[in-house]
Amino acid sequence: MKVLVVDDQELNRKLLQHMLKYEGYDVVLADNGREAIETCKQEHPDLVLLDVIMPEMDGYETAPLLKELSTDVYL
């Protein structure tokens, strides 16, 4: 299972990446909403862990756009 972790805080991204990889998940990272959309198009994750409060494009703006890309992804 592939998980996309989206957070503007590098420490949060790295911590989640480490924990998820330890559990056997394939992890990809994005540091903002725009990058999350591009990463989702390329990587087709099964699950997106999306921070709500981010600069540029927050999680509330990003979530509906990610859902438009795929109805199979869980946010």
N, C-alpha and C. Protein backbone atom coordinates (compact mmCIF):
# COMPACT_ATOMS: atom_id res chain seq x y z
N MET A 1 0.85 -1.18 0.00
CA MET A 1 0.00 0.00 0.00
C MET A 1 0.89 1.24 0.00
N LYS A 2 0.54 2.20 -0.84
CA LYS A 2 1.32 3.44 -0.96
C LYS A 2 0.58 4.56 -0.24
N VAL A 3 1.34 5.31 0.60
CA VAL A 3 0.79 6.41 1.38
C VAL A 3 1.49 7.70 0.99
N LEU A 4 0.70 8.72 0.70
CA LEU A 4 1.22 10.07 0.45
C LEU A 4 1.05 10.88 1.72
N VAL A 5 2.16 11.37 2.27
CA VAL A 5 2.15 12.21 3.47
C VAL A 5 2.36 13.65 3.02
N VAL A 6 1.40 14.52 3.35
CA VAL A 6 1.46 15.93 2.95
C VAL A 6 1.48 16.78 4.21
N ASP A 7 2.58 17.48 4.42
CA ASP A 7 2.73 18.36 5.58
C ASP A 7 3.82 19.37 5.28
N ASP A 8 3.61 20.62 5.69
CA ASP A 8 4.61 21.65 5.45
C ASP A 8 5.78 21.58 6.44
N GLN A 9 5.62 20.82 7.51
CA GLN A 9 6.68 20.66 8.50
C GLN A 9 7.52 19.43 8.18
N GLU A 10 8.78 19.64 7.88
CA GLU A 10 9.66 18.53 7.50
C GLU A 10 9.74 17.47 8.59
N LEU A 11 9.82 17.88 9.84
CA LEU A 11 9.91 16.92 10.93
C LEU A 11 8.69 16.00 10.95
N ASN A 12 7.51 16.54 10.75
CA ASN A 12 6.29 15.72 10.71
C ASN A 12 6.33 14.73 9.56
N ARG A 13 6.75 15.20 8.38
CA ARG A 13 6.84 14.31 7.21
C ARG A 13 7.80 13.16 7.47
N LYS A 14 8.97 13.49 7.98
CA LYS A 14 10.00 12.47 8.20
C LYS A 14 9.58 11.48 9.29
N LEU A 15 8.94 11.97 10.34
CA LEU A 15 8.48 11.10 11.41
C LEU A 15 7.44 10.10 10.89
N LEU A 16 6.45 10.61 10.16
CA LEU A 16 5.42 9.72 9.59
C LEU A 16 6.03 8.76 8.58
N GLN A 17 6.96 9.24 7.78
CA GLN A 17 7.62 8.38 6.81
C GLN A 17 8.33 7.23 7.51
N HIS A 18 9.06 7.54 8.55
CA HIS A 18 9.78 6.50 9.29
C HIS A 18 8.82 5.48 9.90
N MET A 19 7.77 5.97 10.56
CA MET A 19 6.81 5.07 11.21
C MET A 19 6.10 4.18 10.19
N LEU A 20 5.68 4.77 9.07
CA LEU A 20 4.95 4.00 8.06
C LEU A 20 5.85 2.99 7.34
N LYS A 21 7.08 3.39 7.03
CA LYS A 21 8.00 2.46 6.39
C LYS A 21 8.31 1.28 7.30
N TYR A 22 8.44 1.55 8.58
CA TYR A 22 8.69 0.49 9.56
C TYR A 22 7.56 -0.53 9.54
N GLU A 23 6.34 -0.07 9.29
CA GLU A 23 5.17 -0.96 9.23
C GLU A 23 4.99 -1.59 7.85
N GLY A 24 5.88 -1.27 6.91
CA GLY A 24 5.86 -1.93 5.61
C GLY A 24 5.18 -1.17 4.48
N TYR A 25 4.82 0.07 4.72
CA TYR A 25 4.16 0.87 3.69
C TYR A 25 5.18 1.54 2.78
N ASP A 26 4.80 1.73 1.54
CA ASP A 26 5.56 2.54 0.59
C ASP A 26 5.11 3.98 0.82
N VAL A 27 6.05 4.90 1.06
CA VAL A 27 5.70 6.27 1.44
C VAL A 27 6.28 7.27 0.44
N VAL A 28 5.44 8.21 0.02
CA VAL A 28 5.89 9.35 -0.77
C VAL A 28 5.50 10.61 -0.01
N LEU A 29 6.27 11.68 -0.23
CA LEU A 29 6.11 12.90 0.55
C LEU A 29 5.80 14.10 -0.33
N ALA A 30 5.07 15.05 0.24
CA ALA A 30 4.82 16.35 -0.40
C ALA A 30 4.77 17.39 0.71
N ASP A 31 5.27 18.59 0.41
CA ASP A 31 5.31 19.61 1.47
C ASP A 31 4.26 20.71 1.33
N ASN A 32 3.39 20.59 0.33
CA ASN A 32 2.27 21.54 0.21
C ASN A 32 1.19 20.94 -0.69
N GLY A 33 0.06 21.61 -0.76
CA GLY A 33 -1.06 21.10 -1.54
C GLY A 33 -0.78 20.95 -3.02
N ARG A 34 -0.12 21.93 -3.58
CA ARG A 34 0.18 21.86 -5.02
C ARG A 34 1.09 20.67 -5.34
N GLU A 35 2.10 20.48 -4.51
CA GLU A 35 2.99 19.34 -4.71
C GLU A 35 2.24 18.02 -4.49
N ALA A 36 1.30 18.01 -3.57
CA ALA A 36 0.51 16.81 -3.32
C ALA A 36 -0.29 16.41 -4.56
N ILE A 37 -0.87 17.38 -5.23
CA ILE A 37 -1.65 17.10 -6.43
C ILE A 37 -0.76 16.49 -7.52
N GLU A 38 0.41 17.09 -7.74
CA GLU A 38 1.32 16.57 -8.76
C GLU A 38 1.83 15.18 -8.38
N THR A 39 2.15 14.98 -7.11
CA THR A 39 2.63 13.69 -6.64
C THR A 39 1.54 12.63 -6.78
N CYS A 40 0.32 13.00 -6.48
CA CYS A 40 -0.81 12.06 -6.60
C CYS A 40 -1.01 11.63 -8.06
N LYS A 41 -0.84 12.55 -8.98
CA LYS A 41 -0.98 12.22 -10.40
C LYS A 41 0.07 11.21 -10.84
N GLN A 42 1.27 11.34 -10.30
CA GLN A 42 2.39 10.48 -10.71
C GLN A 42 2.44 9.16 -9.94
N GLU A 43 2.16 9.21 -8.64
CA GLU A 43 2.38 8.06 -7.77
C GLU A 43 1.13 7.22 -7.49
N HIS A 44 -0.06 7.78 -7.67
CA HIS A 44 -1.32 7.07 -7.44
C HIS A 44 -1.37 6.37 -6.06
N PRO A 45 -1.30 7.15 -4.97
CA PRO A 45 -1.31 6.54 -3.64
C PRO A 45 -2.67 5.94 -3.30
N ASP A 46 -2.64 5.02 -2.35
CA ASP A 46 -3.87 4.40 -1.85
C ASP A 46 -4.47 5.22 -0.71
N LEU A 47 -3.61 5.97 -0.02
CA LEU A 47 -4.02 6.74 1.14
C LEU A 47 -3.26 8.05 1.15
N VAL A 48 -3.94 9.14 1.52
CA VAL A 48 -3.29 10.44 1.66
C VAL A 48 -3.50 10.93 3.09
N LEU A 49 -2.39 11.18 3.78
CA LEU A 49 -2.43 11.82 5.09
C LEU A 49 -2.14 13.30 4.85
N LEU A 50 -3.15 14.13 5.03
CA LEU A 50 -3.11 15.51 4.59
C LEU A 50 -3.22 16.48 5.76
N ASP A 51 -2.18 17.30 5.95
CA ASP A 51 -2.22 18.36 6.95
C ASP A 51 -3.27 19.38 6.52
N VAL A 52 -3.93 19.98 7.48
CA VAL A 52 -4.97 20.96 7.17
C VAL A 52 -4.38 22.36 7.05
N ILE A 53 -3.49 22.72 7.96
CA ILE A 53 -2.96 24.08 7.99
C ILE A 53 -1.59 24.11 7.31
N MET A 54 -1.58 24.60 6.06
CA MET A 54 -0.35 24.72 5.29
C MET A 54 -0.40 26.04 4.52
N PRO A 55 0.76 26.63 4.27
CA PRO A 55 0.77 27.83 3.44
C PRO A 55 0.52 27.47 1.97
N GLU A 56 0.24 28.46 1.18
CA GLU A 56 0.05 28.32 -0.26
C GLU A 56 -1.30 27.70 -0.60
N MET A 57 -1.48 26.42 -0.27
CA MET A 57 -2.76 25.74 -0.50
C MET A 57 -2.98 24.81 0.70
N ASP A 58 -3.99 25.11 1.52
CA ASP A 58 -4.20 24.31 2.72
C ASP A 58 -4.92 23.00 2.40
N GLY A 59 -5.07 22.18 3.42
CA GLY A 59 -5.68 20.87 3.24
C GLY A 59 -7.13 20.92 2.81
N TYR A 60 -7.84 21.97 3.26
CA TYR A 60 -9.25 22.11 2.87
C TYR A 60 -9.39 22.40 1.37
N GLU A 61 -8.45 23.12 0.80
CA GLU A 61 -8.47 23.39 -0.64
C GLU A 61 -7.97 22.18 -1.43
N THR A 62 -7.01 21.47 -0.86
CA THR A 62 -6.36 20.37 -1.56
C THR A 62 -7.23 19.12 -1.63
N ALA A 63 -7.93 18.80 -0.55
CA ALA A 63 -8.69 17.54 -0.48
C ALA A 63 -9.68 17.35 -1.63
N PRO A 64 -10.53 18.35 -1.95
CA PRO A 64 -11.47 18.12 -3.06
C PRO A 64 -10.77 17.93 -4.41
N LEU A 65 -9.63 18.59 -4.60
CA LEU A 65 -8.89 18.44 -5.85
C LEU A 65 -8.29 17.04 -5.94
N LEU A 66 -7.82 16.52 -4.83
CA LEU A 66 -7.29 15.15 -4.83
C LEU A 66 -8.40 14.14 -5.09
N LYS A 67 -9.58 14.37 -4.54
CA LYS A 67 -10.71 13.47 -4.77
C LYS A 67 -11.13 13.46 -6.24
N GLU A 68 -10.99 14.60 -6.91
CA GLU A 68 -11.31 14.67 -8.34
C GLU A 68 -10.36 13.80 -9.16
N LEU A 69 -9.11 13.68 -8.70
CA LEU A 69 -8.13 12.88 -9.43
C LEU A 69 -8.44 11.40 -9.37
N SER A 70 -8.94 10.95 -8.23
CA SER A 70 -9.22 9.52 -8.08
C SER A 70 -10.26 9.30 -7.00
N THR A 71 -11.24 8.51 -7.31
CA THR A 71 -12.24 8.15 -6.30
C THR A 71 -11.75 6.98 -5.45
N ASP A 72 -10.60 6.41 -5.82
CA ASP A 72 -10.06 5.26 -5.08
C ASP A 72 -9.15 5.65 -3.93
N VAL A 73 -8.76 6.91 -3.85
CA VAL A 73 -7.85 7.34 -2.80
C VAL A 73 -8.62 7.71 -1.55
N TYR A 74 -8.08 7.35 -0.41
CA TYR A 74 -8.69 7.68 0.89
C TYR A 74 -7.94 8.84 1.51
N LEU A 75 -8.70 9.86 1.93
CA LEU A 75 -8.12 11.05 2.56
C LEU A 75 -8.39 11.02 4.04
